[in-house]
PDB file of N, CA and C in Angstrom:
ATOM      1  N   UNK A   1     -12.088 -13.624  18.308  1.00  0.00           N
ATOM      2  CA  UNK A   1     -11.784 -12.931  19.193  1.00  0.00           C
ATOM      3  C   UNK A   1     -10.324 -12.464  18.931  1.00  0.00           C
ATOM      4  N   UNK A   2     -10.122 -11.170  18.744  1.00  0.00           N
ATOM      5  CA  UNK A   2      -8.877 -10.532  18.650  1.00  0.00           C
ATOM      6  C   UNK A   2      -7.834 -10.772  19.582  1.00  0.00           C
ATOM      7  N   UNK A   3      -6.573 -10.716  19.187  1.00  0.00           N
ATOM      8  CA  UNK A   3      -5.649 -11.016  20.147  1.00  0.00           C
ATOM      9  C   UNK A   3      -4.219 -10.162  19.508  1.00  0.00           C
ATOM     10  N   UNK A   4      -3.357 -10.038  20.785  1.00  0.00           N
ATOM     11  CA  UNK A   4      -2.223  -8.950  20.240  1.00  0.00           C
ATOM     12  C   UNK A   4      -1.538  -9.463  19.322  1.00  0.00           C
ATOM     13  N   UNK A   5      -1.494 -10.967  19.206  1.00  0.00           N
ATOM     14  CA  UNK A   5      -0.588 -11.319  18.229  1.00  0.00           C
ATOM     15  C   UNK A   5      -1.160 -11.027  16.503  1.00  0.00           C
ATOM     16  N   UNK A   6      -2.624 -11.431  16.389  1.00  0.00           N
ATOM     17  CA  UNK A   6      -3.447 -10.806  15.272  1.00  0.00           C
ATOM     18  C   UNK A   6      -3.054  -9.587  14.802  1.00  0.00           C
ATOM     19  N   UNK A   7      -3.175  -8.554  16.189  1.00  0.00           N
ATOM     20  CA  UNK A   7      -2.827  -6.996  16.147  1.00  0.00           C
ATOM     21  C   UNK A   7      -1.527  -6.834  15.221  1.00  0.00           C
ATOM     22  N   UNK A   8      -0.541  -7.385  16.134  1.00  0.00           N
ATOM     23  CA  UNK A   8       0.831  -7.218  15.368  1.00  0.00           C
ATOM     24  C   UNK A   8       1.067  -7.897  13.886  1.00  0.00           C
ATOM     25  N   UNK A   9       0.346  -8.832  13.654  1.00  0.00           N
ATOM     26  CA  UNK A   9       0.589  -9.628  12.404  1.00  0.00           C
ATOM     27  C   UNK A   9      -0.200  -8.465  11.164  1.00  0.00           C
ATOM     28  N   UNK A  10      -1.310  -8.098  11.841  1.00  0.00           N
ATOM     29  CA  UNK A  10      -2.201  -6.869  10.553  1.00  0.00           C
ATOM     30  C   UNK A  10      -1.089  -5.618  10.870  1.00  0.00           C
ATOM     31  N   UNK A  11      -0.651  -5.177  11.491  1.00  0.00           N
ATOM     32  CA  UNK A  11      -0.136  -4.037  11.685  1.00  0.00           C
ATOM     33  C   UNK A  11       1.318  -4.163  10.672  1.00  0.00           C
ATOM     34  N   UNK A  12       2.276  -5.512  10.827  1.00  0.00           N
ATOM     35  CA  UNK A  12       2.976  -5.646   9.590  1.00  0.00           C
ATOM     36  C   UNK A  12       2.448  -6.014   8.133  1.00  0.00           C
ATOM     37  N   UNK A  13       1.346  -6.085   8.417  1.00  0.00           N
ATOM     38  CA  UNK A  13       0.759  -6.465   7.053  1.00  0.00           C
ATOM     39  C   UNK A  13       0.717  -5.174   6.424  1.00  0.00           C
ATOM     40  N   UNK A  14       0.186  -4.087   7.107  1.00  0.00           N
ATOM     41  CA  UNK A  14       0.019  -2.806   6.496  1.00  0.00           C
ATOM     42  C   UNK A  14       1.337  -2.199   6.035  1.00  0.00           C
ATOM     43  N   UNK A  15       2.313  -2.334   6.783  1.00  0.00           N
ATOM     44  CA  UNK A  15       3.371  -1.752   6.610  1.00  0.00           C
ATOM     45  C   UNK A  15       4.059  -2.584   5.445  1.00  0.00           C
ATOM     46  N   UNK A  16       4.009  -3.688   5.005  1.00  0.00           N
ATOM     47  CA  UNK A  16       4.437  -4.241   4.021  1.00  0.00           C
ATOM     48  C   UNK A  16       3.945  -4.071   2.689  1.00  0.00           C
ATOM     49  N   UNK A  17       2.547  -3.976   2.685  1.00  0.00           N
ATOM     50  CA  UNK A  17       1.716  -3.461   1.838  1.00  0.00           C
ATOM     51  C   UNK A  17       1.831  -1.765   0.913  1.00  0.00           C
ATOM     52  N   UNK A  18       2.223  -1.125   2.122  1.00  0.00           N
ATOM     53  CA  UNK A  18       2.903   0.626   1.764  1.00  0.00           C
ATOM     54  C   UNK A  18       4.093   0.358   1.374  1.00  0.00           C
ATOM     55  N   UNK A  19       4.844  -0.619   1.665  1.00  0.00           N
ATOM     56  CA  UNK A  19       6.416  -0.454   0.901  1.00  0.00           C
ATOM     57  C   UNK A  19       6.172  -1.088  -0.573  1.00  0.00           C
ATOM     58  N   UNK A  20       5.088  -2.023  -0.551  1.00  0.00           N
ATOM     59  CA  UNK A  20       4.687  -2.667  -2.006  1.00  0.00           C
ATOM     60  C   UNK A  20       4.431  -1.706  -2.619  1.00  0.00           C
ATOM     61  N   UNK A  21       3.302  -0.647  -2.181  1.00  0.00           N
ATOM     62  CA  UNK A  21       3.016   0.362  -3.059  1.00  0.00           C
ATOM     63  C   UNK A  21       3.690   1.318  -3.218  1.00  0.00           C
ATOM     64  N   UNK A  22       4.847   1.716  -2.535  1.00  0.00           N
ATOM     65  CA  UNK A  22       5.695   2.751  -2.883  1.00  0.00           C
ATOM     66  C   UNK A  22       6.718   2.075  -4.094  1.00  0.00           C
ATOM     67  N   UNK A  23       7.354   0.695  -3.755  1.00  0.00           N
ATOM     68  CA  UNK A  23       7.951  -0.008  -5.353  1.00  0.00           C
ATOM     69  C   UNK A  23       7.173   0.018  -6.411  1.00  0.00           C
ATOM     70  N   UNK A  24       5.738  -0.008  -6.354  1.00  0.00           N
ATOM     71  CA  UNK A  24       5.193  -0.056  -7.662  1.00  0.00           C
ATOM     72  C   UNK A  24       5.269   1.354  -8.415  1.00  0.00           C
ATOM     73  N   UNK A  25       5.220   2.258  -7.353  1.00  0.00           N
ATOM     74  CA  UNK A  25       4.892   3.793  -7.813  1.00  0.00           C
ATOM     75  C   UNK A  25       6.246   4.344  -8.594  1.00  0.00           C
ATOM     76  N   UNK A  26       8.085   3.736  -8.025  1.00  0.00           N
ATOM     77  CA  UNK A  26       8.635   3.847  -8.316  1.00  0.00           C
ATOM     78  C   UNK A  26       9.059   3.316  -9.526  1.00  0.00           C
ATOM     79  N   UNK A  27       8.819   2.081  -9.818  1.00  0.00           N
ATOM     80  CA  UNK A  27       8.382   1.092 -11.085  1.00  0.00           C
ATOM     81  C   UNK A  27       7.874   2.087 -12.056  1.00  0.00           C
ATOM     82  N   UNK A  28       6.863   2.431 -11.930  1.00  0.00           N
ATOM     83  CA  UNK A  28       6.144   3.129 -12.785  1.00  0.00           C
ATOM     84  C   UNK A  28       6.733   4.355 -13.537  1.00  0.00           C
ATOM     85  N   UNK A  29       7.490   5.096 -12.428  1.00  0.00           N
ATOM     86  CA  UNK A  29       8.336   6.138 -12.738  1.00  0.00           C
ATOM     87  C   UNK A  29       9.504   5.832 -13.600  1.00  0.00           C
ATOM     88  N   UNK A  30      10.263   4.840 -13.589  1.00  0.00           N
ATOM     89  CA  UNK A  30      11.166   4.028 -14.203  1.00  0.00           C
ATOM     90  C   UNK A  30      10.829   3.753 -15.593  1.00  0.00           C
ATOM     91  N   UNK A  31       9.923   2.922 -15.507  1.00  0.00           N
ATOM     92  CA  UNK A  31       9.285   2.612 -16.567  1.00  0.00           C
ATOM     93  C   UNK A  31       8.826   3.484 -17.950  1.00  0.00           C
ATOM     94  N   UNK A  32       8.204   4.594 -16.951  1.00  0.00           N
ATOM     95  CA  UNK A  32       7.636   6.058 -17.850  1.00  0.00           C
ATOM     96  C   UNK A  32       8.963   6.783 -18.366  1.00  0.00           C
ATOM     97  N   UNK A  33       9.791   6.726 -17.456  1.00  0.00           N
ATOM     98  CA  UNK A  33      11.245   7.394 -18.154  1.00  0.00           C
ATOM     99  C   UNK A  33      11.755   6.623 -19.486  1.00  0.00           C
ATOM    100  N   UNK A  34      11.824   5.258 -19.174  1.00  0.00           N
ATOM    101  CA  UNK A  34      12.476   4.383 -20.226  1.00  0.00           C
ATOM    102  C   UNK A  34      11.619   4.282 -21.278  1.00  0.00           C
ATOM    103  N   UNK A  35      10.050   4.262 -21.368  1.00  0.00           N
ATOM    104  CA  UNK A  35       9.497   4.646 -22.375  1.00  0.00           C
ATOM    105  C   UNK A  35       9.651   5.533 -23.387  1.00  0.00           C
ATOM    106  N   UNK A  36       9.452   7.077 -22.600  1.00  0.00           N
ATOM    107  CA  UNK A  36       9.987   8.174 -23.016  1.00  0.00           C
ATOM    108  C   UNK A  36      11.298   8.310 -24.039  1.00  0.00           C
ATOM    109  N   UNK A  37      12.306   7.667 -23.311  1.00  0.00           N
ATOM    110  CA  UNK A  37      13.682   7.546 -23.926  1.00  0.00           C
ATOM    111  C   UNK A  37      13.376   6.692 -25.216  1.00  0.00           C
ATOM    112  N   UNK A  38      12.861   6.004 -25.243  1.00  0.00           N
ATOM    113  CA  UNK A  38      12.525   4.829 -26.071  1.00  0.00           C
ATOM    114  C   UNK A  38      11.992   5.812 -27.620  1.00  0.00           C
ATOM    115  N   UNK A  39      11.125   6.302 -27.087  1.00  0.00           N
ATOM    116  CA  UNK A  39      10.250   7.148 -28.150  1.00  0.00           C
ATOM    117  C   UNK A  39      11.467   8.037 -28.743  1.00  0.00           C
ATOM    118  N   UNK A  40      12.070   8.914 -27.815  1.00  0.00           N
ATOM    119  CA  UNK A  40      12.915  10.032 -28.156  1.00  0.00           C
ATOM    120  C   UNK A  40      14.048   9.157 -29.014  1.00  0.00           C
ATOM    121  N   UNK A  41      14.464   8.343 -28.943  1.00  0.00           N
ATOM    122  CA  UNK A  41      15.398   7.648 -29.605  1.00  0.00           C
ATOM    123  C   UNK A  41      14.778   6.837 -30.829  1.00  0.00           C
ATOM    124  N   UNK A  42      13.557   6.926 -30.847  1.00  0.00           N
ATOM    125  CA  UNK A  42      13.110   6.073 -32.170  1.00  0.00           C
ATOM    126  C   UNK A  42      13.295   4.946 -32.338  1.00  0.00           C
ATOM    127  N   UNK A  43      12.966   4.393 -31.240  1.00  0.00           N
ATOM    128  CA  UNK A  43      13.027   2.456 -30.822  1.00  0.00           C
ATOM    129  C   UNK A  43      12.133   1.972 -32.085  1.00  0.00           C
ATOM    130  N   UNK A  44      12.464   0.798 -32.225  1.00  0.00           N
ATOM    131  CA  UNK A  44      11.427  -0.092 -33.194  1.00  0.00           C
ATOM    132  C   UNK A  44      10.499  -0.220 -32.513  1.00  0.00           C
ATOM    133  N   UNK A  45       9.079   0.087 -33.465  1.00  0.00           N
ATOM    134  CA  UNK A  45       7.871   0.181 -33.005  1.00  0.00           C
ATOM    135  C   UNK A  45       7.366  -1.237 -32.058  1.00  0.00           C
ATOM    136  N   UNK A  46       7.627  -2.553 -32.193  1.00  0.00           N
ATOM    137  CA  UNK A  46       7.689  -3.535 -31.701  1.00  0.00           C
ATOM    138  C   UNK A  46       7.858  -3.360 -30.259  1.00  0.00           C
ATOM    139  N   UNK A  47       9.261  -2.781 -30.146  1.00  0.00           N
ATOM    140  CA  UNK A  47       9.726  -2.878 -28.653  1.00  0.00           C
ATOM    141  C   UNK A  47       9.110  -1.873 -28.034  1.00  0.00           C
ATOM    142  N   UNK A  48       8.866  -0.608 -28.464  1.00  0.00           N
ATOM    143  CA  UNK A  48       8.034   0.389 -27.951  1.00  0.00           C
ATOM    144  C   UNK A  48       6.659  -0.285 -27.238  1.00  0.00           C
ATOM    145  N   UNK A  49       5.991  -1.000 -28.116  1.00  0.00           N
ATOM    146  CA  UNK A  49       5.024  -1.257 -27.745  1.00  0.00           C
ATOM    147  C   UNK A  49       4.972  -2.606 -26.597  1.00  0.00           C
ATOM    148  N   UNK A  50       6.113  -2.944 -26.811  1.00  0.00           N
ATOM    149  CA  UNK A  50       6.248  -4.156 -25.619  1.00  0.00           C
ATOM    150  C   UNK A  50       6.590  -3.340 -24.225  1.00  0.00           C
ATOM    151  N   UNK A  51       7.448  -2.333 -24.381  1.00  0.00           N
ATOM    152  CA  UNK A  51       7.672  -1.297 -23.166  1.00  0.00           C
ATOM    153  C   UNK A  51       6.412  -0.556 -22.853  1.00  0.00           C
ATOM    154  N   UNK A  52       5.345  -0.511 -23.732  1.00  0.00           N
ATOM    155  CA  UNK A  52       4.068   0.443 -23.281  1.00  0.00           C
ATOM    156  C   UNK A  52       3.338  -0.516 -22.388  1.00  0.00           C
ATOM    157  N   UNK A  53       3.493  -1.872 -22.865  1.00  0.00           N
ATOM    158  CA  UNK A  53       2.731  -2.735 -22.147  1.00  0.00           C
ATOM    159  C   UNK A  53       3.213  -3.012 -20.741  1.00  0.00           C
ATOM    160  N   UNK A  54       4.511  -3.259 -20.610  1.00  0.00           N
ATOM    161  CA  UNK A  54       5.150  -3.139 -19.336  1.00  0.00           C
ATOM    162  C   UNK A  54       4.629  -2.158 -18.172  1.00  0.00           C
ATOM    163  N   UNK A  55       4.622  -0.898 -18.790  1.00  0.00           N
ATOM    164  CA  UNK A  55       3.983   0.453 -18.328  1.00  0.00           C
ATOM    165  C   UNK A  55       3.054   0.525 -17.784  1.00  0.00           C
ATOM    166  N   UNK A  56       1.999  -0.242 -18.918  1.00  0.00           N
ATOM    167  CA  UNK A  56       0.561  -0.128 -18.008  1.00  0.00           C
ATOM    168  C   UNK A  56      -0.044  -1.239 -17.318  1.00  0.00           C
ATOM    169  N   UNK A  57       0.969  -2.309 -17.272  1.00  0.00           N
ATOM    170  CA  UNK A  57       0.950  -3.327 -16.234  1.00  0.00           C
ATOM    171  C   UNK A  57       1.452  -2.928 -14.701  1.00  0.00           C
ATOM    172  N   UNK A  58       2.314  -2.120 -15.198  1.00  0.00           N
ATOM    173  CA  UNK A  58       2.913  -1.335 -13.735  1.00  0.00           C
ATOM    174  C   UNK A  58       1.836  -0.349 -13.141  1.00  0.00           C
ATOM    175  N   UNK A  59       1.211   0.197 -14.147  1.00  0.00           N
ATOM    176  CA  UNK A  59       0.163   1.399 -13.714  1.00  0.00           C
ATOM    177  C   UNK A  59      -0.770   0.432 -13.113  1.00  0.00           C
ATOM    178  N   UNK A  60      -1.445  -0.511 -13.504  1.00  0.00           N
ATOM    179  CA  UNK A  60      -2.417  -0.877 -12.985  1.00  0.00           C
ATOM    180  C   UNK A  60      -2.361  -1.945 -11.755  1.00  0.00           C
ATOM    181  N   UNK A  61      -1.130  -2.030 -11.239  1.00  0.00           N
ATOM    182  CA  UNK A  61      -1.155  -2.616  -9.737  1.00  0.00           C
ATOM    183  C   UNK A  61      -1.370  -1.567  -8.693  1.00  0.00           C
ATOM    184  N   UNK A  62      -1.025  -0.180  -8.845  1.00  0.00           N
ATOM    185  CA  UNK A  62      -1.237   0.506  -8.031  1.00  0.00           C
ATOM    186  C   UNK A  62      -2.622   0.979  -7.569  1.00  0.00           C
ATOM    187  N   UNK A  63      -3.492   0.805  -8.356  1.00  0.00           N
ATOM    188  CA  UNK A  63      -5.214   1.113  -7.737  1.00  0.00           C
ATOM    189  C   UNK A  63      -5.417  -0.556  -6.680  1.00  0.00           C
ATOM    190  N   UNK A  64      -4.799  -1.460  -7.271  1.00  0.00           N
ATOM    191  CA  UNK A  64      -5.035  -2.860  -6.961  1.00  0.00           C
ATOM    192  C   UNK A  64      -4.277  -2.466  -5.580  1.00  0.00           C
ATOM    193  N   UNK A  65      -3.164  -2.183  -5.354  1.00  0.00           N
ATOM    194  CA  UNK A  65      -2.223  -2.162  -4.087  1.00  0.00           C
ATOM    195  C   UNK A  65      -3.019  -1.072  -3.301  1.00  0.00           C
ATOM    196  N   UNK A  66      -3.640  -0.186  -3.401  1.00  0.00           N
ATOM    197  CA  UNK A  66      -4.313   0.950  -2.760  1.00  0.00           C
ATOM    198  C   UNK A  66      -5.489   0.257  -1.979  1.00  0.00           C
ATOM    199  N   UNK A  67      -6.239  -0.575  -2.630  1.00  0.00           N
ATOM    200  CA  UNK A  67      -7.635  -1.418  -2.580  1.00  0.00           C
ATOM    201  C   UNK A  67      -7.148  -2.488  -1.412  1.00  0.00           C
ATOM    202  N   UNK A  68      -5.986  -3.169  -1.276  1.00  0.00           N
ATOM    203  CA  UNK A  68      -5.588  -3.893  -0.416  1.00  0.00           C
ATOM    204  C   UNK A  68      -5.165  -3.447   0.790  1.00  0.00           C
ATOM    205  N   UNK A  69      -4.292  -2.051   0.560  1.00  0.00           N
ATOM    206  CA  UNK A  69      -4.166  -1.148   1.819  1.00  0.00           C
ATOM    207  C   UNK A  69      -5.266  -0.758   2.494  1.00  0.00           C
ATOM    208  N   UNK A  70      -6.420   0.201   1.975  1.00  0.00           N
ATOM    209  CA  UNK A  70      -7.551   0.028   2.550  1.00  0.00           C
ATOM    210  C   UNK A  70      -8.362  -0.713   3.335  1.00  0.00           C
ATOM    211  N   UNK A  71      -8.194  -2.070   2.650  1.00  0.00           N
ATOM    212  CA  UNK A  71      -8.819  -3.393   3.401  1.00  0.00           C
ATOM    213  C   UNK A  71      -8.044  -3.590   4.891  1.00  0.00           C
ATOM    214  N   UNK A  72      -6.298  -3.740   4.378  1.00  0.00           N
ATOM    215  CA  UNK A  72      -5.648  -4.067   5.754  1.00  0.00           C
ATOM    216  C   UNK A  72      -5.871  -2.647   6.364  1.00  0.00           C
ATOM    217  N   UNK A  73      -5.779  -1.601   6.191  1.00  0.00           N
ATOM    218  CA  UNK A  73      -6.280  -0.957   7.388  1.00  0.00           C
ATOM    219  C   UNK A  73      -7.559  -1.126   8.273  1.00  0.00           C
ATOM    220  N   UNK A  74      -8.454  -1.210   7.620  1.00  0.00           N
ATOM    221  CA  UNK A  74      -9.689  -1.408   8.212  1.00  0.00           C
ATOM    222  C   UNK A  74      -9.765  -2.774   9.056  1.00  0.00           C
ATOM    223  N   UNK A  75      -9.042  -3.889   8.690  1.00  0.00           N
ATOM    224  CA  UNK A  75      -8.960  -4.789   9.509  1.00  0.00           C
ATOM    225  C   UNK A  75      -8.181  -4.636  10.559  1.00  0.00           C
ATOM    226  N   UNK A  76      -7.078  -3.698  10.246  1.00  0.00           N
ATOM    227  CA  UNK A  76      -6.281  -3.437  11.611  1.00  0.00           C
ATOM    228  C   UNK A  76      -7.081  -2.385  12.827  1.00  0.00           C
ATOM    229  N   UNK A  77      -7.674  -1.591  11.965  1.00  0.00           N
ATOM    230  CA  UNK A  77      -8.584  -0.806  12.604  1.00  0.00           C
ATOM    231  C   UNK A  77      -9.628  -1.311  14.064  1.00  0.00           C
ATOM    232  N   UNK A  78     -10.416  -2.506  12.809  1.00  0.00           N
ATOM    233  CA  UNK A  78     -11.508  -3.411  13.575  1.00  0.00           C
ATOM    234  C   UNK A  78     -10.683  -4.251  14.966  1.00  0.00           C
ATOM    235  N   UNK A  79      -9.634  -4.824  14.406  1.00  0.00           N
ATOM    236  CA  UNK A  79      -8.987  -5.582  15.695  1.00  0.00           C
ATOM    237  C   UNK A  79      -8.504  -4.795  16.870  1.00  0.00           C
ATOM    238  N   UNK A  80      -7.796  -3.529  16.473  1.00  0.00           N
ATOM    239  CA  UNK A  80      -7.815  -2.567  17.611  1.00  0.00           C
ATOM    240  C   UNK A  80      -8.605  -2.330  18.495  1.00  0.00           C
ATOM    241  N   UNK A  81      -9.858  -1.826  17.636  1.00  0.00           N
ATOM    242  CA  UNK A  81     -11.274  -1.756  18.640  1.00  0.00           C
ATOM    243  C   UNK A  81     -11.637  -2.711  19.396  1.00  0.00           C
ATOM    244  N   UNK A  82     -11.490  -3.966  19.014  1.00  0.00           N
ATOM    245  CA  UNK A  82     -11.925  -5.281  19.832  1.00  0.00           C
ATOM    246  C   UNK A  82     -10.996  -5.339  20.712  1.00  0.00           C
ATOM    247  N   UNK A  83      -9.746  -5.193  20.783  1.00  0.00           N
ATOM    248  CA  UNK A  83      -8.888  -5.235  21.677  1.00  0.00           C
ATOM    249  C   UNK A  83      -9.167  -4.205  22.770  1.00  0.00           C
ATOM    250  N   UNK A  84      -9.306  -2.700  22.249  1.00  0.00           N
ATOM    251  CA  UNK A  84      -9.511  -2.012  23.032  1.00  0.00           C
ATOM    252  C   UNK A  84     -10.898  -1.963  24.038  1.00  0.00           C
ATOM    253  N   UNK A  85     -11.751  -2.871  23.354  1.00  0.00           N
ATOM    254  CA  UNK A  85     -13.194  -3.089  23.942  1.00  0.00           C
ATOM    255  C   UNK A  85     -12.949  -4.041  25.005  1.00  0.00           C
ATOM    256  N   UNK A  86     -11.988  -4.783  25.017  1.00  0.00           N
ATOM    257  CA  UNK A  86     -11.798  -6.032  25.982  1.00  0.00           C
ATOM    258  C   UNK A  86     -10.749  -5.603  27.028  1.00  0.00           C
ATOM    259  N   UNK A  87     -10.683  -4.201  27.100  1.00  0.00           N
ATOM    260  CA  UNK A  87      -9.637  -3.398  27.984  1.00  0.00           C
ATOM    261  C   UNK A  87      -8.417  -3.706  28.160  1.00  0.00           C
ATOM    262  N   UNK A  88      -7.796  -4.165  26.651  1.00  0.00           N
ATOM    263  CA  UNK A  88      -6.578  -3.952  26.348  1.00  0.00           C
ATOM    264  C   UNK A  88      -5.632  -2.950  25.947  1.00  0.00           C
ATOM    265  N   UNK A  89      -5.589  -1.886  26.461  1.00  0.00           N
ATOM    266  CA  UNK A  89      -5.501  -0.511  25.816  1.00  0.00           C
ATOM    267  C   UNK A  89      -3.922  -0.225  25.916  1.00  0.00           C
ATOM    268  N   UNK A  90      -3.079  -0.853  26.684  1.00  0.00           N
ATOM    269  CA  UNK A  90      -1.488  -0.723  26.797  1.00  0.00           C
ATOM    270  C   UNK A  90      -0.409  -1.660  26.198  1.00  0.00           C
ATOM    271  N   UNK A  91       0.287  -1.541  25.821  1.00  0.00           N
ATOM    272  CA  UNK A  91       1.587  -2.266  25.336  1.00  0.00           C
ATOM    273  C   UNK A  91       2.052  -1.974  24.186  1.00  0.00           C
ATOM    274  N   UNK A  92       3.417  -2.111  23.964  1.00  0.00           N
ATOM    275  CA  UNK A  92       4.105  -1.883  22.520  1.00  0.00           C
ATOM    276  C   UNK A  92       3.188  -2.256  21.301  1.00  0.00           C
ATOM    277  N   UNK A  93       2.552  -3.264  21.190  1.00  0.00           N
ATOM    278  CA  UNK A  93       1.756  -3.536  20.053  1.00  0.00           C
ATOM    279  C   UNK A  93       0.769  -2.911  19.687  1.00  0.00           C
ATOM    280  N   UNK A  94      -0.140  -2.389  20.897  1.00  0.00           N
ATOM    281  CA  UNK A  94      -1.012  -1.621  20.983  1.00  0.00           C
ATOM    282  C   UNK A  94      -0.427  -0.142  20.174  1.00  0.00           C
ATOM    283  N   UNK A  95       0.576   0.428  20.830  1.00  0.00           N
ATOM    284  CA  UNK A  95       0.864   1.846  20.366  1.00  0.00           C
ATOM    285  C   UNK A  95       1.314   1.914  19.099  1.00  0.00           C
ATOM    286  N   UNK A  96       2.019   0.657  18.670  1.00  0.00           N
ATOM    287  CA  UNK A  96       2.164   0.392  17.284  1.00  0.00           C
ATOM    288  C   UNK A  96       1.386   0.438  16.112  1.00  0.00           C
ATOM    289  N   UNK A  97       0.458  -0.247  16.766  1.00  0.00           N
ATOM    290  CA  UNK A  97      -1.092  -0.139  15.644  1.00  0.00           C
ATOM    291  C   UNK A  97      -1.447   1.009  15.473  1.00  0.00           C
ATOM    292  N   UNK A  98      -1.635   1.935  16.802  1.00  0.00           N
ATOM    293  CA  UNK A  98      -2.157   3.181  16.653  1.00  0.00           C
ATOM    294  C   UNK A  98      -1.468   4.188  15.979  1.00  0.00           C
ATOM    295  N   UNK A  99      -0.036   3.860  16.114  1.00  0.00           N
ATOM    296  CA  UNK A  99       1.059   4.997  15.067  1.00  0.00           C
ATOM    297  C   UNK A  99       1.006   4.770  13.970  1.00  0.00           C
ATOM    298  N   UNK A 100       0.753   3.329  13.293  1.00  0.00           N
ATOM    299  CA  UNK A 100       0.732   2.853  12.238  1.00  0.00           C
ATOM    300  C   UNK A 100      -0.568   3.599  11.344  1.00  0.00           C
ATOM    301  N   UNK A 101      -1.843   3.432  12.172  1.00  0.00           N
ATOM    302  CA  UNK A 101      -2.895   3.857  11.771  1.00  0.00           C
ATOM    303  C   UNK A 101      -2.850   5.167  10.998  1.00  0.00           C
ATOM    304  N   UNK A 102      -2.346   6.109  12.309  1.00  0.00           N
ATOM    305  CA  UNK A 102      -2.460   7.690  12.207  1.00  0.00           C
ATOM    306  C   UNK A 102      -1.136   7.927  11.098  1.00  0.00           C
ATOM    307  N   UNK A 103      -0.329   7.128  10.827  1.00  0.00           N
ATOM    308  CA  UNK A 103       0.727   7.315   9.617  1.00  0.00           C
ATOM    309  C   UNK A 103      -0.025   7.450   8.448  1.00  0.00           C
ATOM    310  N   UNK A 104      -0.741   5.993   8.398  1.00  0.00           N
ATOM    311  CA  UNK A 104      -1.280   5.783   7.070  1.00  0.00           C
ATOM    312  C   UNK A 104      -2.518   6.528   6.686  1.00  0.00           C
ATOM    313  N   UNK A 105      -2.991   7.046   7.838  1.00  0.00           N
ATOM    314  CA  UNK A 105      -4.160   7.986   7.348  1.00  0.00           C
ATOM    315  C   UNK A 105      -3.813   9.540   6.840  1.00  0.00           C
ATOM    316  N   UNK A 106      -2.834   9.560   7.175  1.00  0.00           N
ATOM    317  CA  UNK A 106      -2.246  10.838   6.924  1.00  0.00           C
ATOM    318  C   UNK A 106      -1.480  10.775   5.248  1.00  0.00           C
ATOM    319  N   UNK A 107      -1.038   9.610   4.888  1.00  0.00           N
ATOM    320  CA  UNK A 107      -0.231   9.673   3.749  1.00  0.00           C
ATOM    321  C   UNK A 107      -1.420   9.142   2.672  1.00  0.00           C
ATOM    322  N   UNK A 108      -2.593   8.192   3.273  1.00  0.00           N
ATOM    323  CA  UNK A 108      -3.417   7.689   2.109  1.00  0.00           C
ATOM    324  C   UNK A 108      -4.808   7.795   2.804  1.00  0.00           C
ATOM    325  N   UNK A 109      -5.161   9.028   2.505  1.00  0.00           N
ATOM    326  CA  UNK A 109      -6.996   9.405   3.242  1.00  0.00           C
ATOM    327  C   UNK A 109      -7.935   8.598   2.656  1.00  0.00           C
ATOM    328  N   UNK A 110      -8.598   7.748   3.411  1.00  0.00           N
ATOM    329  CA  UNK A 110      -9.519   6.912   2.740  1.00  0.00           C
ATOM    330  C   UNK A 110     -10.807   7.584   2.529  1.00  0.00           C
ATOM    331  N   UNK A 111     -11.772   7.080   1.923  1.00  0.00           N
ATOM    332  CA  UNK A 111     -12.970   7.533   1.718  1.00  0.00           C
ATOM    333  C   UNK A 111     -13.986   7.949   3.056  1.00  0.00           C
ATOM    334  N   UNK A 112     -13.481   6.676   4.088  1.00  0.00           N
ATOM    335  CA  UNK A 112     -14.130   7.296   5.503  1.00  0.00           C
ATOM    336  C   UNK A 112     -13.952   8.606   5.874  1.00  0.00           C
ATOM    337  N   UNK A 113     -12.505   9.324   5.546  1.00  0.00           N
ATOM    338  CA  UNK A 113     -11.966  10.349   6.448  1.00  0.00           C
ATOM    339  C   UNK A 113     -12.535  11.695   5.732  1.00  0.00           C
ATOM    340  N   UNK A 114     -12.716  11.594   4.460  1.00  0.00           N
ATOM    341  CA  UNK A 114     -13.188  12.738   3.569  1.00  0.00           C
ATOM    342  C   UNK A 114     -14.496  13.139   4.024  1.00  0.00           C
TER     343      UNK A 114
END
């Protein structure tokens, strides 16, 4: 049984994962710039290899984070639908969930939307 509390938790979870995703994207940009700088400066091959490993690890986190976001959005949609079926269509939590879903679908179109 879906509750308003669980809806609020799932909405917050979606927002947190989006922040995490943006953080990883920024990290990849920073690490790529650092790697390029090290190559241009002729850094030690061992240090360069270690930096490339850091960059690769950062890049691996983005698809994982996107997958978690898609799952989180699907959970949020299901909880919202369940609440709407039980005639709970009003309230700030419901509106926040709807707006969060709308924003996230604009930013990250899922395979369902395509």
